[in-house]
C-alpha atoms as a PDB file:
ATOM      1  CA  MET A   1       5.481   4.576  -1.084  1.00  0.00           C
ATOM      2  CA  ASP A   2       8.228   4.652   1.486  1.00  0.00           C
ATOM      3  CA  VAL A   3       9.781   1.533   2.942  1.00  0.00           C
ATOM      4  CA  ARG A   4      11.860   3.104   5.658  1.00  0.00           C
ATOM      5  CA  TYR A   5      10.818   1.693   8.986  1.00  0.00           C
ATOM      6  CA  LYS A   6      10.199   4.229  11.706  1.00  0.00           C
ATOM      7  CA  ILE A   7       8.217   4.351  14.891  1.00  0.00           C
ATOM      8  CA  GLY A   8       7.142   7.810  15.977  1.00  0.00           C
ATOM      9  CA  ALA A   9       8.102   9.067  19.405  1.00  0.00           C
ATOM     10  CA  ALA A  10       4.464   9.210  20.396  1.00  0.00           C
ATOM     11  CA  VAL A  11       3.988   5.461  20.104  1.00  0.00           C
ATOM     12  CA  ALA A  12       4.720   5.107  23.807  1.00  0.00           C
ATOM     13  CA  ALA A  13       1.706   7.237  24.567  1.00  0.00           C
ATOM     14  CA  VAL A  14      -0.869   5.151  22.728  1.00  0.00           C
ATOM     15  CA  ALA A  15      -3.112   2.567  24.291  1.00  0.00           C
ATOM     16  CA  VAL A  16      -1.419  -0.326  26.044  1.00  0.00           C
ATOM     17  CA  GLY A  17      -2.828  -2.872  23.607  1.00  0.00           C
ATOM     18  CA  THR A  18      -1.355  -1.142  20.586  1.00  0.00           C
ATOM     19  CA  ALA A  19       1.918  -0.518  22.384  1.00  0.00           C
ATOM     20  CA  ALA A  20       2.184  -4.220  23.089  1.00  0.00           C
ATOM     21  CA  LEU A  21       1.818  -4.943  19.404  1.00  0.00           C
ATOM     22  CA  LEU A  22       4.696  -2.622  18.618  1.00  0.00           C
ATOM     23  CA  ALA A  23       7.016  -3.621  21.426  1.00  0.00           C
ATOM     24  CA  ALA A  24       8.622  -6.524  19.615  1.00  0.00           C
ATOM     25  CA  VAL A  25       9.056  -4.824  16.260  1.00  0.00           C
ATOM     26  CA  ARG A  26      12.570  -3.542  16.768  1.00  0.00           C
ATOM     27  CA  ALA A  27      15.047  -4.030  19.561  1.00  0.00           C
ATOM     28  CA  ALA A  28      17.805  -1.524  20.141  1.00  0.00           C
ATOM     29  CA  ASP A  29      20.271  -3.626  18.161  1.00  0.00           C
ATOM     30  CA  GLY A  30      18.064  -4.384  15.157  1.00  0.00           C
ATOM     31  CA  TYR A  31      14.923  -5.944  13.831  1.00  0.00           C
ATOM     32  CA  GLU A  32      12.998  -8.531  15.811  1.00  0.00           C
ATOM     33  CA  PRO A  33      10.245 -10.613  14.188  1.00  0.00           C
ATOM     34  CA  TYR A  34       6.735 -10.249  15.510  1.00  0.00           C
ATOM     35  CA  GLY A  35       6.018 -12.695  18.292  1.00  0.00           C
ATOM     36  CA  GLY A  36       2.517 -11.686  19.279  1.00  0.00           C
ATOM     37  CA  PRO A  37      -0.805 -13.388  18.630  1.00  0.00           C
ATOM     38  CA  PRO A  38      -2.063 -13.847  15.084  1.00  0.00           C
ATOM     39  CA  ALA A  39      -4.813 -11.722  13.657  1.00  0.00           C
ATOM     40  CA  SER A  40      -8.211 -13.329  13.381  1.00  0.00           C
ATOM     41  CA  PRO A  41      -9.214 -14.615   9.927  1.00  0.00           C
ATOM     42  CA  GLY A  42     -11.192 -12.262   7.760  1.00  0.00           C
ATOM     43  CA  THR A  43     -14.644 -12.989   6.393  1.00  0.00           C
ATOM     44  CA  SER A  44     -15.252 -13.150   2.668  1.00  0.00           C
ATOM     45  CA  PRO A  45     -18.049 -10.893   1.415  1.00  0.00           C
ATOM     46  CA  ALA A  46     -21.161 -12.757   0.344  1.00  0.00           C
ATOM     47  CA  ASP A  47     -21.016 -11.325  -3.177  1.00  0.00           C
ATOM     48  CA  PRO A  48     -17.669  -9.571  -3.599  1.00  0.00           C
ATOM     49  CA  ASP A  49     -16.845  -7.278  -6.464  1.00  0.00           C
ATOM     50  CA  PRO A  50     -13.729  -8.212  -8.434  1.00  0.00           C
ATOM     51  CA  THR A  51     -10.558  -7.055  -6.726  1.00  0.00           C
ATOM     52  CA  ARG A  52      -8.914  -4.101  -8.437  1.00  0.00           C
ATOM     53  CA  ARG A  53      -5.133  -4.468  -8.738  1.00  0.00           C
ATOM     54  CA  ILE A  54      -2.314  -1.971  -9.120  1.00  0.00           C
ATOM     55  CA  ALA A  55       1.475  -2.082  -9.151  1.00  0.00           C
ATOM     56  CA  LEU A  56       2.947   1.244  -8.091  1.00  0.00           C
ATOM     57  CA  ASN A  57       5.513   3.482  -9.778  1.00  0.00           C
ATOM     58  CA  THR A  58       4.809   2.731 -13.414  1.00  0.00           C
ATOM     59  CA  GLU A  59       5.194   4.536 -16.731  1.00  0.00           C
ATOM     60  CA  PRO A  60       3.105   4.293 -19.916  1.00  0.00           C
ATOM     61  CA  ALA A  61       5.733   2.000 -21.452  1.00  0.00           C
ATOM     62  CA  ASP A  62       5.000  -0.490 -18.657  1.00  0.00           C
ATOM     63  CA  TYR A  63       1.260  -0.705 -19.264  1.00  0.00           C
ATOM     64  CA  PRO A  64       1.229  -3.511 -21.841  1.00  0.00           C
ATOM     65  CA  ARG A  65       3.176  -5.833 -19.523  1.00  0.00           C
ATOM     66  CA  LEU A  66       1.061  -4.827 -16.532  1.00  0.00           C
ATOM     67  CA  ARG A  67      -2.079  -5.747 -18.458  1.00  0.00           C
ATOM     68  CA  GLU A  68      -0.554  -9.120 -19.320  1.00  0.00           C
ATOM     69  CA  LEU A  69       0.010  -9.690 -15.606  1.00  0.00           C
ATOM     70  CA  GLY A  70      -3.620  -8.915 -14.819  1.00  0.00           C
ATOM     71  CA  TYR A  71      -3.342  -5.415 -13.378  1.00  0.00           C
ATOM     72  CA  ASP A  72      -6.213  -3.103 -14.211  1.00  0.00           C
ATOM     73  CA  LEU A  73      -5.101   0.143 -12.529  1.00  0.00           C
ATOM     74  CA  VAL A  74      -2.158   2.485 -13.040  1.00  0.00           C
ATOM     75  CA  ASP A  75      -0.836   5.263 -10.829  1.00  0.00           C
ATOM     76  CA  ILE A  76      -0.460   8.663 -12.472  1.00  0.00           C
ATOM     77  CA  ARG A  77      -0.497  12.356 -11.705  1.00  0.00           C
ATOM     78  CA  PRO A  78      -3.490  14.400 -12.908  1.00  0.00           C
ATOM     79  CA  ASP A  79      -1.741  15.430 -16.105  1.00  0.00           C
ATOM     80  CA  PRO A  80      -3.654  15.445 -19.415  1.00  0.00           C
ATOM     81  CA  SER A  81      -0.929  13.580 -21.310  1.00  0.00           C
ATOM     82  CA  LEU A  82      -0.785  10.863 -18.662  1.00  0.00           C
ATOM     83  CA  VAL A  83      -4.549  10.515 -18.524  1.00  0.00           C
ATOM     84  CA  ALA A  84      -4.561  10.185 -22.309  1.00  0.00           C
ATOM     85  CA  SER A  85      -2.060   7.314 -22.027  1.00  0.00           C
ATOM     86  CA  ILE A  86      -4.342   5.098 -19.934  1.00  0.00           C
ATOM     87  CA  PRO A  87      -5.085   2.003 -22.021  1.00  0.00           C
ATOM     88  CA  ARG A  88      -8.584   0.788 -22.687  1.00  0.00           C
ATOM     89  CA  GLY A  89      -9.586  -1.582 -19.905  1.00  0.00           C
ATOM     90  CA  MET A  90      -7.468   0.184 -17.274  1.00  0.00           C
ATOM     91  CA  GLN A  91      -8.163   3.101 -14.937  1.00  0.00           C
ATOM     92  CA  ALA A  92      -6.022   5.503 -12.938  1.00  0.00           C
ATOM     93  CA  LEU A  93      -5.413   5.927  -9.243  1.00  0.00           C
ATOM     94  CA  MET A  94      -4.413   9.593  -9.166  1.00  0.00           C
ATOM     95  CA  TRP A  95      -1.414  10.436  -7.010  1.00  0.00           C
ATOM     96  CA  VAL A  96      -2.181  13.802  -5.393  1.00  0.00           C
ATOM     97  CA  GLY A  97      -0.900  13.035  -1.932  1.00  0.00           C
ATOM     98  CA  ASN A  98       1.877  13.702   0.532  1.00  0.00           C
ATOM     99  CA  PHE A  99       4.432  11.525   2.278  1.00  0.00           C
ATOM    100  CA  HIS A 100       4.561  11.395   6.088  1.00  0.00           C
ATOM    101  CA  CYS A 101       4.430  15.103   7.016  1.00  0.00           C
ATOM    102  CA  ASP A 102       5.705  16.525   3.738  1.00  0.00           C
ATOM    103  CA  ASP A 103       3.788  19.037   1.673  1.00  0.00           C
ATOM    104  CA  PHE A 104       1.116  17.711  -0.670  1.00  0.00           C
ATOM    105  CA  THR A 105       2.107  17.420  -4.299  1.00  0.00           C
ATOM    106  CA  LEU A 106      -0.788  19.743  -5.109  1.00  0.00           C
ATOM    107  CA  ASP A 107      -1.896  22.627  -2.918  1.00  0.00           C
ATOM    108  CA  TYR A 108      -5.580  22.637  -2.092  1.00  0.00           C
ATOM    109  CA  ASP A 109      -6.617  24.907  -4.975  1.00  0.00           C
ATOM    110  CA  ALA A 110      -4.725  22.795  -7.514  1.00  0.00           C
ATOM    111  CA  PHE A 111      -6.165  19.644  -5.951  1.00  0.00           C
ATOM    112  CA  THR A 112      -9.742  20.883  -6.251  1.00  0.00           C
ATOM    113  CA  ARG A 113      -9.140  21.876  -9.882  1.00  0.00           C
ATOM    114  CA  ALA A 114      -7.846  18.382 -10.609  1.00  0.00           C
ATOM    115  CA  VAL A 115     -10.859  16.735  -8.983  1.00  0.00           C
ATOM    116  CA  ARG A 116     -13.263  19.022 -10.822  1.00  0.00           C
ATOM    117  CA  THR A 117     -11.493  18.162 -14.084  1.00  0.00           C
ATOM    118  CA  TYR A 118     -11.373  14.376 -13.636  1.00  0.00           C
ATOM    119  CA  GLY A 119     -14.007  13.660 -10.992  1.00  0.00           C
ATOM    120  CA  ARG A 120     -16.468  12.320 -13.565  1.00  0.00           C
ATOM    121  CA  ASP A 121     -13.926  10.894 -15.976  1.00  0.00           C
ATOM    122  CA  PRO A 122     -14.498   7.141 -16.422  1.00  0.00           C
ATOM    123  CA  ARG A 123     -10.755   6.650 -16.849  1.00  0.00           C
ATOM    124  CA  VAL A 124     -10.215   7.554 -13.188  1.00  0.00           C
ATOM    125  CA  TYR A 125     -10.706   5.007 -10.398  1.00  0.00           C
ATOM    126  CA  GLY A 126      -9.799   7.193  -7.459  1.00  0.00           C
ATOM    127  CA  TRP A 127      -7.485   9.537  -5.577  1.00  0.00           C
ATOM    128  CA  TYR A 128      -4.396   8.628  -3.557  1.00  0.00           C
ATOM    129  CA  LEU A 129      -4.490  11.297  -0.847  1.00  0.00           C
ATOM    130  CA  SER A 130      -1.625  10.435   1.516  1.00  0.00           C
ATOM    131  CA  ASP A 131       1.218   7.959   1.933  1.00  0.00           C
ATOM    132  CA  GLU A 132       1.942   6.946   5.524  1.00  0.00           C
ATOM    133  CA  PRO A 133       0.688  10.113   7.244  1.00  0.00           C
ATOM    134  CA  ASN A 134       2.538  10.474  10.546  1.00  0.00           C
ATOM    135  CA  THR A 135      -0.023  11.923  12.902  1.00  0.00           C
ATOM    136  CA  SER A 136       2.401  11.779  15.839  1.00  0.00           C
ATOM    137  CA  GLU A 137       4.618  14.395  14.235  1.00  0.00           C
ATOM    138  CA  CYS A 138       1.985  16.361  12.287  1.00  0.00           C
ATOM    139  CA  PRO A 139      -1.471  15.822  13.828  1.00  0.00           C
ATOM    140  CA  GLU A 140      -2.863  18.555  11.594  1.00  0.00           C
ATOM    141  CA  ILE A 141      -2.501  16.199   8.616  1.00  0.00           C
ATOM    142  CA  THR A 142      -5.756  14.486   9.566  1.00  0.00           C
ATOM    143  CA  GLU A 143      -7.779  17.627   8.976  1.00  0.00           C
ATOM    144  CA  GLU A 144      -6.232  18.125   5.544  1.00  0.00           C
ATOM    145  CA  ILE A 145      -6.835  14.512   4.496  1.00  0.00           C
ATOM    146  CA  GLU A 146     -10.446  14.770   5.618  1.00  0.00           C
ATOM    147  CA  ARG A 147     -10.919  18.058   3.757  1.00  0.00           C
ATOM    148  CA  ARG A 148      -9.649  16.471   0.562  1.00  0.00           C
ATOM    149  CA  ALA A 149     -11.616  13.241   1.030  1.00  0.00           C
ATOM    150  CA  ASP A 150     -14.777  15.275   1.574  1.00  0.00           C
ATOM    151  CA  PHE A 151     -14.129  17.133  -1.679  1.00  0.00           C
ATOM    152  CA  VAL A 152     -13.683  13.864  -3.562  1.00  0.00           C
ATOM    153  CA  GLU A 153     -16.926  12.576  -2.091  1.00  0.00           C
ATOM    154  CA  ARG A 154     -18.810  15.660  -3.264  1.00  0.00           C
ATOM    155  CA  HIS A 155     -17.230  16.145  -6.683  1.00  0.00           C
ATOM    156  CA  ALA A 156     -16.086  12.699  -7.845  1.00  0.00           C
ATOM    157  CA  PRO A 157     -19.097  10.394  -7.547  1.00  0.00           C
ATOM    158  CA  GLY A 158     -18.193   6.740  -7.948  1.00  0.00           C
ATOM    159  CA  GLN A 159     -14.465   7.362  -7.461  1.00  0.00           C
ATOM    160  CA  ILE A 160     -12.630   6.297  -4.293  1.00  0.00           C
ATOM    161  CA  SER A 161     -10.383   8.123  -1.853  1.00  0.00           C
ATOM    162  CA  PHE A 162      -7.359   6.210  -0.579  1.00  0.00           C
ATOM    163  CA  ILE A 163      -4.533   6.535   1.933  1.00  0.00           C
ATOM    164  CA  SER A 164      -1.786   4.085   2.835  1.00  0.00           C
ATOM    165  CA  LEU A 165      -0.833   3.483   6.463  1.00  0.00           C
ATOM    166  CA  THR A 166       2.185   1.998   8.156  1.00  0.00           C
ATOM    167  CA  ASP A 167       2.783   0.991  11.782  1.00  0.00           C
ATOM    168  CA  TRP A 168       2.297   4.397  13.352  1.00  0.00           C
ATOM    169  CA  PRO A 169      -0.851   4.968  15.422  1.00  0.00           C
ATOM    170  CA  MET A 170      -3.807   4.551  13.081  1.00  0.00           C
ATOM    171  CA  GLY A 171      -6.614   5.875  15.247  1.00  0.00           C
ATOM    172  CA  PRO A 172      -6.561   9.460  13.931  1.00  0.00           C
ATOM    173  CA  VAL A 173      -6.700   8.397  10.262  1.00  0.00           C
ATOM    174  CA  THR A 174      -9.347   5.699  10.132  1.00  0.00           C
ATOM    175  CA  PRO A 175     -11.984   5.851   7.391  1.00  0.00           C
ATOM    176  CA  ARG A 176     -14.485   7.047   9.977  1.00  0.00           C
ATOM    177  CA  LYS A 177     -12.208   9.876  11.138  1.00  0.00           C
ATOM    178  CA  VAL A 178     -11.004  11.194   7.759  1.00  0.00           C
ATOM    179  CA  ASN A 179     -13.761   9.939   5.432  1.00  0.00           C
ATOM    180  CA  VAL A 180     -11.574   7.886   3.084  1.00  0.00           C
ATOM    181  CA  ASP A 181     -12.949   4.830   1.351  1.00  0.00           C
ATOM    182  CA  ILE A 182      -9.978   2.446   1.389  1.00  0.00           C
ATOM    183  CA  VAL A 183      -6.875   2.198   3.577  1.00  0.00           C
ATOM    184  CA  GLY A 184      -3.724   0.409   2.453  1.00  0.00           C
ATOM    185  CA  LEU A 185      -1.634  -1.478   5.014  1.00  0.00           C
ATOM    186  CA  ASP A 186       2.024  -1.866   4.113  1.00  0.00           C
ATOM    187  CA  PRO A 187       3.935  -4.352   6.250  1.00  0.00           C
ATOM    188  CA  TYR A 188       6.998  -5.655   4.436  1.00  0.00           C
ATOM    189  CA  PRO A 189       7.806  -9.025   6.007  1.00  0.00           C
ATOM    190  CA  CYS A 190      11.076  -9.834   4.208  1.00  0.00           C
ATOM    191  CA  ARG A 191      13.238  -7.608   6.329  1.00  0.00           C
ATOM    192  CA  GLY A 192      16.572  -7.616   8.106  1.00  0.00           C
ATOM    193  CA  ALA A 193      18.988  -8.169   5.203  1.00  0.00           C
ATOM    194  CA  VAL A 194      19.311  -7.631   1.467  1.00  0.00           C
ATOM    195  CA  GLU A 195      20.147 -11.268   0.725  1.00  0.00           C
ATOM    196  CA  PRO A 196      17.211 -13.642   1.242  1.00  0.00           C
ATOM    197  CA  LYS A 197      16.972 -15.307   4.617  1.00  0.00           C
ATOM    198  CA  LYS A 198      15.276 -18.632   5.197  1.00  0.00           C
ATOM    199  CA  LYS A 199      12.020 -17.050   6.347  1.00  0.00           C
ATOM    200  CA  CYS A 200      10.232 -13.733   6.143  1.00  0.00           C
ATOM    201  CA  ASP A 201       8.452 -12.370   9.195  1.00  0.00           C
ATOM    202  CA  ILE A 202       4.977 -13.196   7.902  1.00  0.00           C
ATOM    203  CA  GLY A 203       3.619 -12.333  11.339  1.00  0.00           C
ATOM    204  CA  ALA A 204       4.335  -8.689  10.543  1.00  0.00           C
ATOM    205  CA  ILE A 205       1.177  -8.799   8.447  1.00  0.00           C
ATOM    206  CA  ASP A 206      -0.833 -10.041  11.421  1.00  0.00           C
ATOM    207  CA  ARG A 207       0.638  -7.348  13.621  1.00  0.00           C
ATOM    208  CA  MET A 208      -0.400  -4.530  11.304  1.00  0.00           C
ATOM    209  CA  VAL A 209      -3.846  -5.991  10.678  1.00  0.00           C
ATOM    210  CA  ARG A 210      -4.344  -6.238  14.447  1.00  0.00           C
ATOM    211  CA  MET A 211      -3.337  -2.588  14.763  1.00  0.00           C
ATOM    212  CA  ALA A 212      -5.979  -1.707  12.173  1.00  0.00           C
ATOM    213  CA  ASP A 213      -8.553  -3.830  14.009  1.00  0.00           C
ATOM    214  CA  ARG A 214      -7.824  -2.032  17.269  1.00  0.00           C
ATOM    215  CA  ALA A 215      -8.095   1.349  15.562  1.00  0.00           C
ATOM    216  CA  GLY A 216     -11.551   0.400  14.286  1.00  0.00           C
ATOM    217  CA  ILE A 217     -10.685  -0.052  10.603  1.00  0.00           C
ATOM    218  CA  ALA A 218     -13.053  -2.630   9.136  1.00  0.00           C
ATOM    219  CA  ARG A 219     -11.406  -5.385   7.118  1.00  0.00           C
ATOM    220  CA  GLU A 220     -13.546  -4.564   4.087  1.00  0.00           C
ATOM    221  CA  ARG A 221     -11.831  -1.158   4.007  1.00  0.00           C
ATOM    222  CA  VAL A 222      -8.319  -2.655   3.934  1.00  0.00           C
ATOM    223  CA  ALA A 223      -6.160  -2.896   0.812  1.00  0.00           C
ATOM    224  CA  PRO A 224      -3.216  -5.297   1.197  1.00  0.00           C
ATOM    225  CA  VAL A 225       0.126  -3.886   0.056  1.00  0.00           C
ATOM    226  CA  LEU A 226       2.286  -6.744  -1.229  1.00  0.00           C
ATOM    227  CA  GLN A 227       6.063  -6.651  -0.889  1.00  0.00           C
ATOM    228  CA  ALA A 228       7.673  -7.118  -4.302  1.00  0.00           C
ATOM    229  CA  PHE A 229      10.950  -5.277  -3.783  1.00  0.00           C
ATOM    230  CA  GLY A 230      14.300  -5.572  -2.117  1.00  0.00           C
ATOM    231  CA  GLN A 231      17.181  -3.210  -1.464  1.00  0.00           C
ATOM    232  CA  GLU A 232      20.191  -5.079  -2.777  1.00  0.00           C
ATOM    233  CA  CYS A 233      20.818  -2.405  -5.419  1.00  0.00           C
ATOM    234  CA  SER A 234      19.220   0.592  -3.702  1.00  0.00           C
ATOM    235  CA  SER A 235      21.359   3.603  -2.867  1.00  0.00           C
ATOM    236  CA  GLY A 236      19.843   4.235   0.553  1.00  0.00           C
ATOM    237  CA  ASP A 237      18.261   1.739   2.919  1.00  0.00           C
ATOM    238  CA  LYS A 238      19.661  -1.784   3.061  1.00  0.00           C
ATOM    239  CA  GLN A 239      17.188  -3.711   5.153  1.00  0.00           C
ATOM    240  CA  TYR A 240      14.749  -5.543   2.868  1.00  0.00           C
ATOM    241  CA  TRP A 241      15.164  -8.400   0.426  1.00  0.00           C
ATOM    242  CA  LEU A 242      13.134  -9.383  -2.610  1.00  0.00           C
ATOM    243  CA  PRO A 243      11.000 -12.359  -1.517  1.00  0.00           C
ATOM    244  CA  THR A 244      11.756 -15.750  -2.970  1.00  0.00           C
ATOM    245  CA  GLU A 245       8.936 -17.466  -4.830  1.00  0.00           C
ATOM    246  CA  ASP A 246       8.003 -19.600  -1.814  1.00  0.00           C
ATOM    247  CA  GLN A 247       8.168 -16.597   0.495  1.00  0.00           C
ATOM    248  CA  PHE A 248       5.978 -14.556  -1.820  1.00  0.00           C
ATOM    249  CA  ARG A 249       3.393 -17.333  -1.928  1.00  0.00           C
ATOM    250  CA  ALA A 250       3.416 -17.456   1.889  1.00  0.00           C
ATOM    251  CA  LEU A 251       2.878 -13.708   2.005  1.00  0.00           C
ATOM    252  CA  LEU A 252      -0.081 -14.010  -0.353  1.00  0.00           C
ATOM    253  CA  ARG A 253      -1.599 -16.838   1.675  1.00  0.00           C
ATOM    254  CA  ARG A 254      -1.462 -14.777   4.842  1.00  0.00           C
ATOM    255  CA  TRP A 255      -3.107 -11.779   3.228  1.00  0.00           C
ATOM    256  CA  ASP A 256      -5.791 -14.020   1.723  1.00  0.00           C
ATOM    257  CA  ARG A 257      -6.506 -15.412   5.173  1.00  0.00           C
ATOM    258  CA  LEU A 258      -6.798 -12.023   6.825  1.00  0.00           C
ATOM    259  CA  VAL A 259      -8.345  -9.886   4.055  1.00  0.00           C
ATOM    260  CA  PRO A 260     -10.106 -12.182   1.596  1.00  0.00           C
ATOM    261  CA  ALA A 261     -11.489 -10.626  -1.596  1.00  0.00           C
ATOM    262  CA  PRO A 262     -10.343  -7.030  -0.940  1.00  0.00           C
ATOM    263  CA  ARG A 263     -11.692  -4.189  -3.033  1.00  0.00           C
ATOM    264  CA  LEU A 264      -8.134  -3.169  -3.912  1.00  0.00           C
ATOM    265  CA  GLU A 265      -4.776  -4.958  -3.851  1.00  0.00           C
ATOM    266  CA  ILE A 266      -1.498  -3.086  -4.276  1.00  0.00           C
ATOM    267  CA  THR A 267       1.929  -4.342  -5.278  1.00  0.00           C
ATOM    268  CA  TYR A 268       4.887  -2.296  -4.118  1.00  0.00           C
ATOM    269  CA  THR A 269       6.624  -1.839  -6.406  1.00  0.00           C
ATOM    270  CA  TRP A 270       6.966  -2.195 -10.181  1.00  0.00           C
ATOM    271  CA  GLY A 271       9.321   0.688 -10.864  1.00  0.00           C
ATOM    272  CA  LYS A 272      12.600   1.194  -9.044  1.00  0.00           C
ATOM    273  CA  GLN A 273      13.063   3.931  -6.472  1.00  0.00           C
ATOM    274  CA  ASP A 274      16.787   4.544  -6.217  1.00  0.00           C
ATOM    275  CA  GLU A 275      16.890   5.134  -2.484  1.00  0.00           C
ATOM    276  CA  TRP A 276      14.327   2.579  -1.327  1.00  0.00           C
ATOM    277  CA  ALA A 277      13.479  -0.128  -3.856  1.00  0.00           C
ATOM    278  CA  CYS A 278      15.836  -2.086  -6.125  1.00  0.00           C
ATOM    279  CA  PRO A 279      15.280  -4.783  -7.348  1.00  0.00           C
ATOM    280  CA  THR A 280      11.513  -4.693  -7.904  1.00  0.00           C
ATOM    281  CA  LEU A 281       8.713  -6.642  -9.546  1.00  0.00           C
ATOM    282  CA  ALA A 282       9.864  -5.350 -12.927  1.00  0.00           C
ATOM    283  CA  ASP A 283      13.073  -7.349 -12.424  1.00  0.00           C
ATOM    284  CA  ALA A 284      11.414 -10.421 -10.920  1.00  0.00           C
ATOM    285  CA  SER A 285      10.686 -12.487 -14.018  1.00  0.00           C
ATOM    286  CA  GLY A 286      12.988 -15.439 -13.394  1.00  0.00           C
ATOM    287  CA  GLY A 287      16.641 -16.032 -14.049  1.00  0.00           C
ATOM    288  CA  GLU A 288      18.709 -13.758 -11.847  1.00  0.00           C
ATOM    289  CA  HIS A 289      15.659 -12.984  -9.700  1.00  0.00           C
ATOM    290  CA  PRO A 290      12.676 -15.068  -8.579  1.00  0.00           C
ATOM    291  CA  ASP A 291       9.735 -15.261 -10.945  1.00  0.00           C
ATOM    292  CA  LEU A 292       7.277 -13.193  -8.929  1.00  0.00           C
ATOM    293  CA  GLN A 293       5.685 -11.957 -12.135  1.00  0.00           C
ATOM    294  CA  GLY A 294       4.573 -15.495 -12.945  1.00  0.00           C
ATOM    295  CA  ILE A 295       3.005 -15.854  -9.504  1.00  0.00           C
ATOM    296  CA  ILE A 296       1.245 -12.511  -9.836  1.00  0.00           C
ATOM    297  CA  GLU A 297      -0.069 -13.366 -13.297  1.00  0.00           C
ATOM    298  CA  ALA A 298      -1.509 -16.668 -12.103  1.00  0.00           C
ATOM    299  CA  ARG A 299      -3.050 -14.979  -9.075  1.00  0.00           C
ATOM    300  CA  ASN A 300      -4.598 -12.120 -11.008  1.00  0.00           C
ATOM    301  CA  GLU A 301      -6.018 -14.510 -13.581  1.00  0.00           C
ATOM    302  CA  GLY A 302      -7.496 -16.707 -10.862  1.00  0.00           C
ATOM    303  CA  ARG A 303      -5.141 -19.630 -11.504  1.00  0.00           C
ATOM    304  CA  SER A 304      -3.661 -19.770  -8.014  1.00  0.00           C
END
């Protein structure tokens, strides 16, 4: 999942309401915190299913610690050796997607073979079809996502289709338009430096949720994407910091207010990504870094 912050050139052409939400995101000389109205509180389902939880960018060696922290999903490619490594009590979210306008990791024929192979496998939770599709630059991506989501629906009963969205126009890639089950939203509020500032821009979460509301994405379809990374030791971008413990708790409170009891909750990220994410949740166990793992463990076990 990418953390580079871009706004497509076509943003200016979207509806005035959405444009107003985006106007304060970045001034010409740098980042500006969101100053618009808050998103309305979400409504808890009457009888919610347990939230499924995943930390992205993991390896089989990480699974024991992830289970201790209360995660029950892992992200893998549709490879037999990786599927065989899924521990009892966990399932896989299969990464078969693309990033922005890049090519898909599997062409359509390979994708359909993977779904036919694992579409009824109880070790598989679902299919991650696209990461931040940029419909301003490649509008044709919507048709391909829909084609793949339709195939999952037909050939993987009980498994979900998933895409993750950022702050580009969301209208073309809503669940209704492309037939996906769950949509991740990935605002990263602790932004503007690599060393922690006093406050994160928690309102960035409201801004993106309001964008989803305006696009017609129902809250029950939203998967919060939690920021658990910084860029102090990354080789590329240098614009995000790893939240402090108090900042991370504030981030969680805001998501709980806006999307209570989601079907899926995602932590970005466990594993490092050299260009975009370092340090990460894997480092955040106290000492040199804040103990975000302890907060996550308490949350996932229902102790917070």
